C-alpha cells in the first residue's frame, strides 16, 4: 500500500513540478494522472497492491469534497455576485455536452449499421 501511494504521489508531484516549471495551463494533478496512466500502460496494468490502494482511496473519496465545499461556502458572496454568468455557462455547457453526446451516438450507430449491412 505504501509503495502504491508513493507511486501515486510521485506522479502527482512530477505533474505539478512540470506544470509550474513550464507554466503550463494544465493543472499538475491532471498531468500526474497522465503520467500514471502511461506508467500503467507500460507495465501492462496495475498490480494488485495498486488496485487495493486505489479502491481504498475511492471508498473514502467523499471526504475529499469537504475542503471544496468549505471553499464554496467561504466564497458564497462571490458566487452570488456572478450567479448569472455561472448559470448561463452551466446551461450552455450542459446543452453542448448533450448535443455532442447525441451526435456522437448517432454517428456510431450509423457506422455500426453500415458495417452490419456490408457483411
PDB file of N, CA and C in Angstrom:
ATOM      1  N   UNK A   1       0.822  -1.191   0.000  1.00  0.00           N
ATOM      2  CA  UNK A   1       0.000   0.000   0.000  1.00  0.00           C
ATOM      3  C   UNK A   1       0.873   1.265   0.000  1.00  0.00           C
ATOM      4  N   UNK A   2       1.945   1.246   0.790  1.00  0.00           N
ATOM      5  CA  UNK A   2       2.821   2.414   0.855  1.00  0.00           C
ATOM      6  C   UNK A   2       3.485   2.657  -0.501  1.00  0.00           C
ATOM      7  N   UNK A   3       3.919   1.586  -1.147  1.00  0.00           N
ATOM      8  CA  UNK A   3       4.566   1.734  -2.460  1.00  0.00           C
ATOM      9  C   UNK A   3       3.588   2.293  -3.486  1.00  0.00           C
ATOM     10  N   UNK A   4       2.337   1.841  -3.439  1.00  0.00           N
ATOM     11  CA  UNK A   4       1.327   2.335  -4.378  1.00  0.00           C
ATOM     12  C   UNK A   4       1.024   3.808  -4.118  1.00  0.00           C
ATOM     13  N   UNK A   5       0.880   4.168  -2.843  1.00  0.00           N
ATOM     14  CA  UNK A   5       0.656   5.584  -2.510  1.00  0.00           C
ATOM     15  C   UNK A   5       1.839   6.432  -2.948  1.00  0.00           C
ATOM     16  N   UNK A   6       3.052   5.912  -2.760  1.00  0.00           N
ATOM     17  CA  UNK A   6       4.240   6.652  -3.188  1.00  0.00           C
ATOM     18  C   UNK A   6       4.229   6.843  -4.709  1.00  0.00           C
ATOM     19  N   UNK A   7       3.824   5.808  -5.440  1.00  0.00           N
ATOM     20  CA  UNK A   7       3.733   5.925  -6.894  1.00  0.00           C
ATOM     21  C   UNK A   7       2.724   7.001  -7.291  1.00  0.00           C
ATOM     22  N   UNK A   8       1.545   6.980  -6.668  1.00  0.00           N
ATOM     23  CA  UNK A   8       0.511   7.960  -6.982  1.00  0.00           C
ATOM     24  C   UNK A   8       0.999   9.373  -6.683  1.00  0.00           C
ATOM     25  N   UNK A   9       1.621   9.545  -5.524  1.00  0.00           N
ATOM     26  CA  UNK A   9       2.084  10.874  -5.130  1.00  0.00           C
ATOM     27  C   UNK A   9       3.273  11.339  -5.972  1.00  0.00           C
ATOM     28  N   UNK A  10       4.144  10.425  -6.369  1.00  0.00           N
ATOM     29  CA  UNK A  10       5.269  10.802  -7.241  1.00  0.00           C
ATOM     30  C   UNK A  10       4.774  11.259  -8.609  1.00  0.00           C
ATOM     31  N   UNK A  11       3.767  10.591  -9.131  1.00  0.00           N
ATOM     32  CA  UNK A  11       3.195  11.015 -10.412  1.00  0.00           C
ATOM     33  C   UNK A  11       2.568  12.395 -10.284  1.00  0.00           C
ATOM     34  N   UNK A  12       1.868  12.637  -9.174  1.00  0.00           N
ATOM     35  CA  UNK A  12       1.264  13.951  -8.969  1.00  0.00           C
ATOM     36  C   UNK A  12       2.350  15.007  -8.791  1.00  0.00           C
ATOM     37  N   UNK A  13       3.404  14.684  -8.048  1.00  0.00           N
ATOM     38  CA  UNK A  13       4.497  15.628  -7.850  1.00  0.00           C
ATOM     39  C   UNK A  13       5.186  15.957  -9.167  1.00  0.00           C
ATOM     40  N   UNK A  14       5.415  14.948  -9.990  1.00  0.00           N
ATOM     41  CA  UNK A  14       6.021  15.170 -11.295  1.00  0.00           C
ATOM     42  C   UNK A  14       5.142  16.079 -12.157  1.00  0.00           C
ATOM     43  N   UNK A  15       3.841  15.817 -12.153  1.00  0.00           N
ATOM     44  CA  UNK A  15       2.917  16.649 -12.917  1.00  0.00           C
ATOM     45  C   UNK A  15       2.884  18.079 -12.414  1.00  0.00           C
ATOM     46  N   UNK A  16       2.839  18.242 -11.099  1.00  0.00           N
ATOM     47  CA  UNK A  16       2.808  19.584 -10.509  1.00  0.00           C
ATOM     48  C   UNK A  16       4.102  20.335 -10.806  1.00  0.00           C
ATOM     49  N   UNK A  17       5.225  19.643 -10.720  1.00  0.00           N
ATOM     50  CA  UNK A  17       6.519  20.267 -10.990  1.00  0.00           C
ATOM     51  C   UNK A  17       6.600  20.739 -12.439  1.00  0.00           C
ATOM     52  N   UNK A  18       6.191  19.885 -13.364  1.00  0.00           N
ATOM     53  CA  UNK A  18       6.222  20.279 -14.781  1.00  0.00           C
ATOM     54  C   UNK A  18       5.266  21.430 -15.074  1.00  0.00           C
ATOM     55  N   UNK A  19       4.091  21.395 -14.456  1.00  0.00           N
ATOM     56  CA  UNK A  19       3.115  22.459 -14.693  1.00  0.00           C
ATOM     57  C   UNK A  19       3.648  23.809 -14.217  1.00  0.00           C
ATOM     58  N   UNK A  20       4.359  23.807 -13.084  1.00  0.00           N
ATOM     59  CA  UNK A  20       4.889  25.058 -12.549  1.00  0.00           C
ATOM     60  C   UNK A  20       6.123  25.504 -13.341  1.00  0.00           C
ATOM     61  N   UNK A  21       7.047  24.572 -13.581  1.00  0.00           N
ATOM     62  CA  UNK A  21       8.285  24.940 -14.282  1.00  0.00           C
ATOM     63  C   UNK A  21       8.040  25.400 -15.711  1.00  0.00           C
ATOM     64  N   UNK A  22       7.150  24.715 -16.412  1.00  0.00           N
ATOM     65  CA  UNK A  22       6.884  25.054 -17.812  1.00  0.00           C
ATOM     66  C   UNK A  22       5.728  26.033 -17.974  1.00  0.00           C
ATOM     67  N   UNK A  23       5.133  26.439 -16.856  1.00  0.00           N
ATOM     68  CA  UNK A  23       3.999  27.365 -16.840  1.00  0.00           C
ATOM     69  C   UNK A  23       2.894  26.893 -17.788  1.00  0.00           C
ATOM     70  N   UNK A  24       2.535  25.633 -17.641  1.00  0.00           N
ATOM     71  CA  UNK A  24       1.507  25.040 -18.494  1.00  0.00           C
ATOM     72  C   UNK A  24       0.117  25.423 -17.991  1.00  0.00           C
ATOM     73  N   UNK A  25      -0.852  25.541 -18.882  1.00  0.00           N
ATOM     74  CA  UNK A  25      -2.207  25.880 -18.460  1.00  0.00           C
ATOM     75  C   UNK A  25      -2.992  24.673 -17.938  1.00  0.00           C
ATOM     76  N   UNK A  26      -2.321  23.530 -17.817  1.00  0.00           N
ATOM     77  CA  UNK A  26      -2.958  22.298 -17.344  1.00  0.00           C
ATOM     78  C   UNK A  26      -2.582  22.100 -15.877  1.00  0.00           C
ATOM     79  N   UNK A  27      -3.558  21.757 -15.017  1.00  0.00           N
ATOM     80  CA  UNK A  27      -3.227  21.530 -13.609  1.00  0.00           C
ATOM     81  C   UNK A  27      -2.256  20.366 -13.436  1.00  0.00           C
ATOM     82  N   UNK A  28      -1.395  20.475 -12.450  1.00  0.00           N
ATOM     83  CA  UNK A  28      -0.409  19.448 -12.170  1.00  0.00           C
ATOM     84  C   UNK A  28      -1.004  18.073 -11.910  1.00  0.00           C
ATOM     85  N   UNK A  29      -2.088  17.970 -11.120  1.00  0.00           N
ATOM     86  CA  UNK A  29      -2.673  16.645 -10.892  1.00  0.00           C
ATOM     87  C   UNK A  29      -3.181  15.978 -12.173  1.00  0.00           C
ATOM     88  N   UNK A  30      -3.625  16.767 -13.138  1.00  0.00           N
ATOM     89  CA  UNK A  30      -4.063  16.189 -14.415  1.00  0.00           C
ATOM     90  C   UNK A  30      -2.863  15.604 -15.145  1.00  0.00           C
ATOM     91  N   UNK A  31      -1.762  16.333 -15.159  1.00  0.00           N
ATOM     92  CA  UNK A  31      -0.540  15.802 -15.765  1.00  0.00           C
ATOM     93  C   UNK A  31      -0.073  14.554 -15.018  1.00  0.00           C
ATOM     94  N   UNK A  32      -0.199  14.575 -13.690  1.00  0.00           N
ATOM     95  CA  UNK A  32       0.173  13.412 -12.897  1.00  0.00           C
ATOM     96  C   UNK A  32      -0.649  12.190 -13.249  1.00  0.00           C
ATOM     97  N   UNK A  33      -1.942  12.385 -13.495  1.00  0.00           N
ATOM     98  CA  UNK A  33      -2.795  11.258 -13.896  1.00  0.00           C
ATOM     99  C   UNK A  33      -2.369  10.728 -15.261  1.00  0.00           C
ATOM    100  N   UNK A  34      -1.958  11.619 -16.149  1.00  0.00           N
ATOM    101  CA  UNK A  34      -1.483  11.178 -17.462  1.00  0.00           C
ATOM    102  C   UNK A  34      -0.204  10.366 -17.295  1.00  0.00           C
ATOM    103  N   UNK A  35       0.700  10.834 -16.439  1.00  0.00           N
ATOM    104  CA  UNK A  35       1.938  10.084 -16.191  1.00  0.00           C
ATOM    105  C   UNK A  35       1.634   8.719 -15.587  1.00  0.00           C
ATOM    106  N   UNK A  36       0.695   8.682 -14.647  1.00  0.00           N
ATOM    107  CA  UNK A  36       0.319   7.402 -14.030  1.00  0.00           C
ATOM    108  C   UNK A  36      -0.278   6.466 -15.077  1.00  0.00           C
ATOM    109  N   UNK A  37      -1.119   6.994 -15.945  1.00  0.00           N
ATOM    110  CA  UNK A  37      -1.737   6.184 -16.997  1.00  0.00           C
ATOM    111  C   UNK A  37      -0.673   5.596 -17.923  1.00  0.00           C
ATOM    112  N   UNK A  38       0.270   6.430 -18.341  1.00  0.00           N
ATOM    113  CA  UNK A  38       1.339   5.958 -19.225  1.00  0.00           C
ATOM    114  C   UNK A  38       2.187   4.907 -18.510  1.00  0.00           C
ATOM    115  N   UNK A  39       2.488   5.132 -17.241  1.00  0.00           N
ATOM    116  CA  UNK A  39       3.261   4.174 -16.451  1.00  0.00           C
ATOM    117  C   UNK A  39       2.540   2.827 -16.381  1.00  0.00           C
ATOM    118  N   UNK A  40       1.245   2.874 -16.113  1.00  0.00           N
ATOM    119  CA  UNK A  40       0.487   1.630 -16.008  1.00  0.00           C
ATOM    120  C   UNK A  40       0.370   0.936 -17.368  1.00  0.00           C
ATOM    121  N   UNK A  41       0.236   1.699 -18.444  1.00  0.00           N
ATOM    122  CA  UNK A  41       0.212   1.099 -19.777  1.00  0.00           C
ATOM    123  C   UNK A  41       1.529   0.403 -20.088  1.00  0.00           C
ATOM    124  N   UNK A  42       2.624   1.042 -19.725  1.00  0.00           N
ATOM    125  CA  UNK A  42       3.939   0.470 -19.999  1.00  0.00           C
ATOM    126  C   UNK A  42       4.166  -0.818 -19.215  1.00  0.00           C
ATOM    127  N   UNK A  43       3.574  -0.910 -18.038  1.00  0.00           N
ATOM    128  CA  UNK A  43       3.749  -2.101 -17.200  1.00  0.00           C
ATOM    129  C   UNK A  43       2.666  -3.147 -17.438  1.00  0.00           C
ATOM    130  N   UNK A  44       1.734  -2.875 -18.309  1.00  0.00           N
ATOM    131  CA  UNK A  44       0.693  -3.860 -18.597  1.00  0.00           C
ATOM    132  C   UNK A  44      -0.458  -3.833 -17.618  1.00  0.00           C
ATOM    133  N   UNK A  45      -0.658  -2.732 -16.930  1.00  0.00           N
ATOM    134  CA  UNK A  45      -1.777  -2.614 -15.998  1.00  0.00           C
ATOM    135  C   UNK A  45      -1.309  -2.510 -14.564  1.00  0.00           C
ATOM    136  N   UNK A  46      -2.244  -2.222 -13.673  1.00  0.00           N
ATOM    137  CA  UNK A  46      -1.870  -2.058 -12.262  1.00  0.00           C
ATOM    138  C   UNK A  46      -1.622  -3.392 -11.577  1.00  0.00           C
ATOM    139  N   UNK A  47      -0.747  -3.353 -10.570  1.00  0.00           N
ATOM    140  CA  UNK A  47      -0.518  -4.523  -9.737  1.00  0.00           C
ATOM    141  C   UNK A  47      -1.637  -4.606  -8.701  1.00  0.00           C
ATOM    142  N   UNK A  48      -1.711  -5.715  -8.012  1.00  0.00           N
ATOM    143  CA  UNK A  48      -2.782  -5.920  -7.033  1.00  0.00           C
ATOM    144  C   UNK A  48      -2.726  -4.879  -5.909  1.00  0.00           C
ATOM    145  N   UNK A  49      -1.525  -4.531  -5.452  1.00  0.00           N
ATOM    146  CA  UNK A  49      -1.416  -3.535  -4.374  1.00  0.00           C
ATOM    147  C   UNK A  49      -1.922  -2.170  -4.845  1.00  0.00           C
ATOM    148  N   UNK A  50      -1.670  -1.840  -6.103  1.00  0.00           N
ATOM    149  CA  UNK A  50      -2.163  -0.567  -6.639  1.00  0.00           C
ATOM    150  C   UNK A  50      -3.680  -0.594  -6.779  1.00  0.00           C
ATOM    151  N   UNK A  51      -4.223  -1.732  -7.141  1.00  0.00           N
ATOM    152  CA  UNK A  51      -5.684  -1.859  -7.226  1.00  0.00           C
ATOM    153  C   UNK A  51      -6.330  -1.671  -5.852  1.00  0.00           C
ATOM    154  N   UNK A  52      -5.752  -2.328  -4.838  1.00  0.00           N
ATOM    155  CA  UNK A  52      -6.324  -2.220  -3.489  1.00  0.00           C
ATOM    156  C   UNK A  52      -6.203  -0.800  -2.951  1.00  0.00           C
ATOM    157  N   UNK A  53      -5.067  -0.164  -3.205  1.00  0.00           N
ATOM    158  CA  UNK A  53      -4.876   1.206  -2.731  1.00  0.00           C
ATOM    159  C   UNK A  53      -5.848   2.159  -3.416  1.00  0.00           C
ATOM    160  N   UNK A  54      -6.017   2.019  -4.725  1.00  0.00           N
ATOM    161  CA  UNK A  54      -6.960   2.869  -5.456  1.00  0.00           C
ATOM    162  C   UNK A  54      -8.387   2.635  -4.969  1.00  0.00           C
ATOM    163  N   UNK A  55      -8.737   1.380  -4.710  1.00  0.00           N
ATOM    164  CA  UNK A  55     -10.087   1.081  -4.207  1.00  0.00           C
ATOM    165  C   UNK A  55     -10.297   1.726  -2.846  1.00  0.00           C
ATOM    166  N   UNK A  56      -9.272   1.685  -1.994  1.00  0.00           N
ATOM    167  CA  UNK A  56      -9.381   2.323  -0.682  1.00  0.00           C
ATOM    168  C   UNK A  56      -9.540   3.822  -0.783  1.00  0.00           C
ATOM    169  N   UNK A  57      -8.794   4.444  -1.704  1.00  0.00           N
ATOM    170  CA  UNK A  57      -8.934   5.889  -1.905  1.00  0.00           C
ATOM    171  C   UNK A  57     -10.323   6.235  -2.436  1.00  0.00           C
ATOM    172  N   UNK A  58     -10.813   5.452  -3.373  1.00  0.00           N
ATOM    173  CA  UNK A  58     -12.136   5.715  -3.942  1.00  0.00           C
ATOM    174  C   UNK A  58     -13.240   5.502  -2.908  1.00  0.00           C
ATOM    175  N   UNK A  59     -13.012   4.576  -1.989  1.00  0.00           N
ATOM    176  CA  UNK A  59     -14.006   4.311  -0.950  1.00  0.00           C
ATOM    177  C   UNK A  59     -14.185   5.533  -0.047  1.00  0.00           C
ATOM    178  N   UNK A  60     -13.114   6.310   0.132  1.00  0.00           N
ATOM    179  CA  UNK A  60     -13.168   7.484   1.007  1.00  0.00           C
ATOM    180  C   UNK A  60     -13.163   8.793   0.213  1.00  0.00           C
ATOM    181  N   UNK A  61     -13.496   8.728  -1.051  1.00  0.00           N
ATOM    182  CA  UNK A  61     -13.487   9.900  -1.921  1.00  0.00           C
ATOM    183  C   UNK A  61     -14.388  11.033  -1.425  1.00  0.00           C
ATOM    184  N   UNK A  62     -15.573  10.749  -0.871  1.00  0.00           N
ATOM    185  CA  UNK A  62     -16.407  11.866  -0.412  1.00  0.00           C
ATOM    186  C   UNK A  62     -15.725  12.765   0.621  1.00  0.00           C
ATOM    187  N   UNK A  63     -14.794  12.227   1.387  1.00  0.00           N
ATOM    188  CA  UNK A  63     -14.082  13.057   2.361  1.00  0.00           C
ATOM    189  C   UNK A  63     -13.257  14.136   1.678  1.00  0.00           C
ATOM    190  N   UNK A  64     -12.816  13.877   0.444  1.00  0.00           N
ATOM    191  CA  UNK A  64     -12.014  14.859  -0.266  1.00  0.00           C
ATOM    192  C   UNK A  64     -12.840  16.049  -0.752  1.00  0.00           C
ATOM    193  N   UNK A  65     -14.165  15.915  -0.739  1.00  0.00           N
ATOM    194  CA  UNK A  65     -15.012  17.024  -1.169  1.00  0.00           C
ATOM    195  C   UNK A  65     -15.302  17.999  -0.040  1.00  0.00           C
ATOM    196  N   UNK A  66     -14.954  17.667   1.185  1.00  0.00           N
ATOM    197  CA  UNK A  66     -15.199  18.563   2.319  1.00  0.00           C
ATOM    198  C   UNK A  66     -14.441  19.874   2.153  1.00  0.00           C
ATOM    199  N   UNK A  67     -13.135  19.865   1.830  1.00  0.00           N
ATOM    200  CA  UNK A  67     -12.455  21.156   1.643  1.00  0.00           C
ATOM    201  C   UNK A  67     -13.045  21.981   0.500  1.00  0.00           C
ATOM    202  N   UNK A  68     -13.458  21.324  -0.579  1.00  0.00           N
ATOM    203  CA  UNK A  68     -14.060  22.067  -1.691  1.00  0.00           C
ATOM    204  C   UNK A  68     -15.376  22.701  -1.257  1.00  0.00           C
ATOM    205  N   UNK A  69     -16.184  21.957  -0.523  1.00  0.00           N
ATOM    206  CA  UNK A  69     -17.449  22.507  -0.021  1.00  0.00           C
ATOM    207  C   UNK A  69     -17.222  23.673   0.927  1.00  0.00           C
ATOM    208  N   UNK A  70     -16.190  23.576   1.735  1.00  0.00           N
ATOM    209  CA  UNK A  70     -15.853  24.669   2.646  1.00  0.00           C
ATOM    210  C   UNK A  70     -15.431  25.900   1.856  1.00  0.00           C
ATOM    211  N   UNK A  71     -14.659  25.686   0.790  1.00  0.00           N
ATOM    212  CA  UNK A  71     -14.239  26.807  -0.047  1.00  0.00           C
ATOM    213  C   UNK A  71     -15.414  27.482  -0.729  1.00  0.00           C
ATOM    214  N   UNK A  72     -16.389  26.694  -1.151  1.00  0.00           N
ATOM    215  CA  UNK A  72     -17.581  27.266  -1.780  1.00  0.00           C
ATOM    216  C   UNK A  72     -18.336  28.120  -0.768  1.00  0.00           C
ATOM    217  N   UNK A  73     -18.498  27.615   0.433  1.00  0.00           N
ATOM    218  CA  UNK A  73     -19.198  28.390   1.457  1.00  0.00           C
ATOM    219  C   UNK A  73     -18.424  29.639   1.851  1.00  0.00           C
ATOM    220  N   UNK A  74     -17.110  29.536   1.835  1.00  0.00           N
ATOM    221  CA  UNK A  74     -16.284  30.684   2.188  1.00  0.00           C
ATOM    222  C   UNK A  74     -16.423  31.801   1.158  1.00  0.00           C
ATOM    223  N   UNK A  75     -16.600  31.445  -0.118  1.00  0.00           N
ATOM    224  CA  UNK A  75     -16.710  32.435  -1.192  1.00  0.00           C
ATOM    225  C   UNK A  75     -18.128  32.510  -1.747  1.00  0.00           C
ATOM    226  N   UNK A  76     -19.107  32.277  -0.916  1.00  0.00           N
ATOM    227  CA  UNK A  76     -20.504  32.292  -1.361  1.00  0.00           C
ATOM    228  C   UNK A  76     -20.907  33.655  -1.921  1.00  0.00           C
ATOM    229  N   UNK A  77     -20.379  34.726  -1.341  1.00  0.00           N
ATOM    230  CA  UNK A  77     -20.713  36.067  -1.844  1.00  0.00           C
ATOM    231  C   UNK A  77     -20.229  36.261  -3.278  1.00  0.00           C
ATOM    232  N   UNK A  78     -19.077  35.701  -3.618  1.00  0.00           N
ATOM    233  CA  UNK A  78     -18.577  35.796  -4.994  1.00  0.00           C
ATOM    234  C   UNK A  78     -19.470  35.016  -5.952  1.00  0.00           C
ATOM    235  N   UNK A  79     -19.941  33.869  -5.502  1.00  0.00           N
ATOM    236  CA  UNK A  79     -20.859  33.080  -6.331  1.00  0.00           C
ATOM    237  C   UNK A  79     -22.159  33.843  -6.561  1.00  0.00           C
ATOM    238  N   UNK A  80     -22.640  34.502  -5.530  1.00  0.00           N
ATOM    239  CA  UNK A  80     -23.872  35.278  -5.671  1.00  0.00           C
ATOM    240  C   UNK A  80     -23.672  36.443  -6.647  1.00  0.00           C
ATOM    241  N   UNK A  81     -22.512  37.077  -6.585  1.00  0.00           N
ATOM    242  CA  UNK A  81     -22.234  38.198  -7.498  1.00  0.00           C
ATOM    243  C   UNK A  81     -22.162  37.739  -8.958  1.00  0.00           C
ATOM    244  N   UNK A  82     -21.724  36.527  -9.183  1.00  0.00           N
ATOM    245  CA  UNK A  82     -21.541  36.001 -10.538  1.00  0.00           C
ATOM    246  C   UNK A  82     -22.577  34.937 -10.885  1.00  0.00           C
ATOM    247  N   UNK A  83     -23.741  34.975 -10.252  1.00  0.00           N
ATOM    248  CA  UNK A  83     -24.752  33.933 -10.437  1.00  0.00           C
ATOM    249  C   UNK A  83     -25.218  33.822 -11.890  1.00  0.00           C
ATOM    250  N   UNK A  84     -25.474  34.945 -12.540  1.00  0.00           N
ATOM    251  CA  UNK A  84     -25.979  34.900 -13.916  1.00  0.00           C
ATOM    252  C   UNK A  84     -24.954  34.283 -14.881  1.00  0.00           C
ATOM    253  N   UNK A  85     -23.695  34.745 -14.899  1.00  0.00           N
ATOM    254  CA  UNK A  85     -22.730  34.101 -15.808  1.00  0.00           C
ATOM    255  C   UNK A  85     -22.517  32.621 -15.488  1.00  0.00           C
ATOM    256  N   UNK A  86     -22.522  32.268 -14.216  1.00  0.00           N
ATOM    257  CA  UNK A  86     -22.348  30.867 -13.844  1.00  0.00           C
ATOM    258  C   UNK A  86     -23.520  30.038 -14.350  1.00  0.00           C
ATOM    259  N   UNK A  87     -24.739  30.540 -14.162  1.00  0.00           N
ATOM    260  CA  UNK A  87     -25.925  29.808 -14.618  1.00  0.00           C
ATOM    261  C   UNK A  87     -25.921  29.656 -16.139  1.00  0.00           C
ATOM    262  N   UNK A  88     -25.574  30.723 -16.858  1.00  0.00           N
ATOM    263  CA  UNK A  88     -25.521  30.655 -18.322  1.00  0.00           C
ATOM    264  C   UNK A  88     -24.466  29.644 -18.760  1.00  0.00           C
ATOM    265  N   UNK A  89     -23.293  29.692 -18.135  1.00  0.00           N
ATOM    266  CA  UNK A  89     -22.222  28.757 -18.502  1.00  0.00           C
ATOM    267  C   UNK A  89     -22.641  27.315 -18.231  1.00  0.00           C
ATOM    268  N   UNK A  90     -23.303  27.073 -17.106  1.00  0.00           N
ATOM    269  CA  UNK A  90     -23.763  25.716 -16.789  1.00  0.00           C
ATOM    270  C   UNK A  90     -24.797  25.221 -17.791  1.00  0.00           C
ATOM    271  N   UNK A  91     -25.752  26.069 -18.126  1.00  0.00           N
ATOM    272  CA  UNK A  91     -26.808  25.661 -19.054  1.00  0.00           C
ATOM    273  C   UNK A  91     -26.244  25.425 -20.454  1.00  0.00           C
ATOM    274  N   UNK A  92     -25.426  26.360 -20.925  1.00  0.00           N
ATOM    275  CA  UNK A  92     -24.857  26.222 -22.272  1.00  0.00           C
ATOM    276  C   UNK A  92     -23.947  24.999 -22.354  1.00  0.00           C
ATOM    277  N   UNK A  93     -23.091  24.799 -21.355  1.00  0.00           N
ATOM    278  CA  UNK A  93     -22.179  23.652 -21.405  1.00  0.00           C
ATOM    279  C   UNK A  93     -22.940  22.333 -21.299  1.00  0.00           C
ATOM    280  N   UNK A  94     -24.021  22.314 -20.525  1.00  0.00           N
ATOM    281  CA  UNK A  94     -24.836  21.103 -20.439  1.00  0.00           C
ATOM    282  C   UNK A  94     -25.490  20.796 -21.777  1.00  0.00           C
ATOM    283  N   UNK A  95     -26.069  21.810 -22.402  1.00  0.00           N
ATOM    284  CA  UNK A  95     -26.711  21.603 -23.699  1.00  0.00           C
ATOM    285  C   UNK A  95     -25.697  21.191 -24.768  1.00  0.00           C
ATOM    286  N   UNK A  96     -24.528  21.824 -24.758  1.00  0.00           N
ATOM    287  CA  UNK A  96     -23.487  21.442 -25.717  1.00  0.00           C
ATOM    288  C   UNK A  96     -23.019  20.005 -25.475  1.00  0.00           C
ATOM    289  N   UNK A  97     -22.859  19.635 -24.228  1.00  0.00           N
ATOM    290  CA  UNK A  97     -22.444  18.270 -23.904  1.00  0.00           C
ATOM    291  C   UNK A  97     -23.473  17.250 -24.357  1.00  0.00           C
ATOM    292  N   UNK A  98     -24.746  17.544 -24.136  1.00  0.00           N
ATOM    293  CA  UNK A  98     -25.810  16.643 -24.584  1.00  0.00           C
ATOM    294  C   UNK A  98     -25.842  16.546 -26.103  1.00  0.00           C
ATOM    295  N   UNK A  99     -25.665  17.681 -26.770  1.00  0.00           N
ATOM    296  CA  UNK A  99     -25.688  17.668 -28.232  1.00  0.00           C
ATOM    297  C   UNK A  99     -24.515  16.862 -28.790  1.00  0.00           C
ATOM    298  N   UNK A 100     -23.336  17.065 -28.252  1.00  0.00           N
ATOM    299  CA  UNK A 100     -22.167  16.328 -28.728  1.00  0.00           C
ATOM    300  C   UNK A 100     -22.334  14.835 -28.458  1.00  0.00           C
ATOM    301  N   UNK A 101     -22.838  14.490 -27.281  1.00  0.00           N
ATOM    302  CA  UNK A 101     -23.052  13.069 -26.962  1.00  0.00           C
ATOM    303  C   UNK A 101     -24.081  12.455 -27.905  1.00  0.00           C
ATOM    304  N   UNK A 102     -25.157  13.170 -28.168  1.00  0.00           N
ATOM    305  CA  UNK A 102     -26.182  12.668 -29.081  1.00  0.00           C
ATOM    306  C   UNK A 102     -25.670  12.503 -30.496  1.00  0.00           C
ATOM    307  N   UNK A 103     -24.941  13.499 -30.985  1.00  0.00           N
ATOM    308  CA  UNK A 103     -24.376  13.409 -32.331  1.00  0.00           C
ATOM    309  C   UNK A 103     -23.346  12.283 -32.436  1.00  0.00           C
ATOM    310  N   UNK A 104     -22.557  12.112 -31.402  1.00  0.00           N
ATOM    311  CA  UNK A 104     -21.580  11.016 -31.399  1.00  0.00           C
ATOM    312  C   UNK A 104     -22.280   9.670 -31.416  1.00  0.00           C
ATOM    313  N   UNK A 105     -23.330   9.526 -30.620  1.00  0.00           N
ATOM    314  CA  UNK A 105     -24.092   8.279 -30.595  1.00  0.00           C
ATOM    315  C   UNK A 105     -24.726   8.003 -31.953  1.00  0.00           C
ATOM    316  N   UNK A 106     -25.297   9.037 -32.572  1.00  0.00           N
ATOM    317  CA  UNK A 106     -25.903   8.858 -33.891  1.00  0.00           C
ATOM    318  C   UNK A 106     -24.847   8.459 -34.921  1.00  0.00           C
ATOM    319  N   UNK A 107     -23.683   9.072 -34.867  1.00  0.00           N
ATOM    320  CA  UNK A 107     -22.609   8.752 -35.804  1.00  0.00           C
ATOM    321  C   UNK A 107     -22.159   7.307 -35.642  1.00  0.00           C
ATOM    322  N   UNK A 108     -21.959   6.880 -34.375  1.00  0.00           N
ATOM    323  CA  UNK A 108     -21.545   5.496 -34.131  1.00  0.00           C
ATOM    324  C   UNK A 108     -22.634   4.512 -34.530  1.00  0.00           C
ATOM    325  N   UNK A 109     -23.896   4.880 -34.324  1.00  0.00           N
ATOM    326  CA  UNK A 109     -24.995   3.992 -34.714  1.00  0.00           C
ATOM    327  C   UNK A 109     -25.041   3.813 -36.225  1.00  0.00           C
ATOM    328  N   UNK A 110     -24.906   4.918 -36.972  1.00  0.00           N
ATOM    329  CA  UNK A 110     -24.874   4.816 -38.438  1.00  0.00           C
ATOM    330  C   UNK A 110     -23.682   4.005 -38.901  1.00  0.00           C
ATOM    331  N   UNK A 111     -22.558   4.222 -38.283  1.00  0.00           N
ATOM    332  CA  UNK A 111     -21.341   3.496 -38.666  1.00  0.00           C
ATOM    333  C   UNK A 111     -21.497   2.001 -38.385  1.00  0.00           C
ATOM    334  N   UNK A 112     -22.094   1.673 -37.260  1.00  0.00           N
ATOM    335  CA  UNK A 112     -22.288   0.266 -36.902  1.00  0.00           C
ATOM    336  C   UNK A 112     -23.293  -0.407 -37.837  1.00  0.00           C
ATOM    337  N   UNK A 113     -24.393   0.295 -38.145  1.00  0.00           N
ATOM    338  CA  UNK A 113     -25.385  -0.300 -39.030  1.00  0.00           C
ATOM    339  C   UNK A 113     -24.849  -0.475 -40.440  1.00  0.00           C
ATOM    340  N   UNK A 114     -24.024   0.452 -40.911  1.00  0.00           N
ATOM    341  CA  UNK A 114     -23.446   0.297 -42.241  1.00  0.00           C
ATOM    342  C   UNK A 114     -22.432  -0.851 -42.265  1.00  0.00           C
ATOM    343  N   UNK A 115     -21.741  -1.068 -41.163  1.00  0.00           N
ATOM    344  CA  UNK A 115     -20.801  -2.196 -41.092  1.00  0.00           C
ATOM    345  C   UNK A 115     -21.544  -3.529 -41.104  1.00  0.00           C
ATOM    346  N   UNK A 116     -22.723  -3.569 -40.471  1.00  0.00           N
ATOM    347  CA  UNK A 116     -23.512  -4.816 -40.462  1.00  0.00           C
ATOM    348  C   UNK A 116     -24.120  -5.095 -41.819  1.00  0.00           C
ATOM    349  N   UNK A 117     -24.497  -4.063 -42.564  1.00  0.00           N
ATOM    350  CA  UNK A 117     -25.096  -4.276 -43.871  1.00  0.00           C
ATOM    351  C   UNK A 117     -24.069  -4.742 -44.901  1.00  0.00           C
ATOM    352  N   UNK A 118     -22.802  -4.378 -44.689  1.00  0.00           N
ATOM    353  CA  UNK A 118     -21.748  -4.778 -45.625  1.00  0.00           C
ATOM    354  C   UNK A 118     -21.365  -6.234 -45.449  1.00  0.00           C
ATOM    355  N   UNK A 119     -21.655  -6.821 -44.309  1.00  0.00           N
ATOM    356  CA  UNK A 119     -21.251  -8.228 -44.049  1.00  0.00           C
ATOM    357  C   UNK A 119     -22.193  -9.207 -44.663  1.00  0.00           C
TER     358      UNK A 119
END
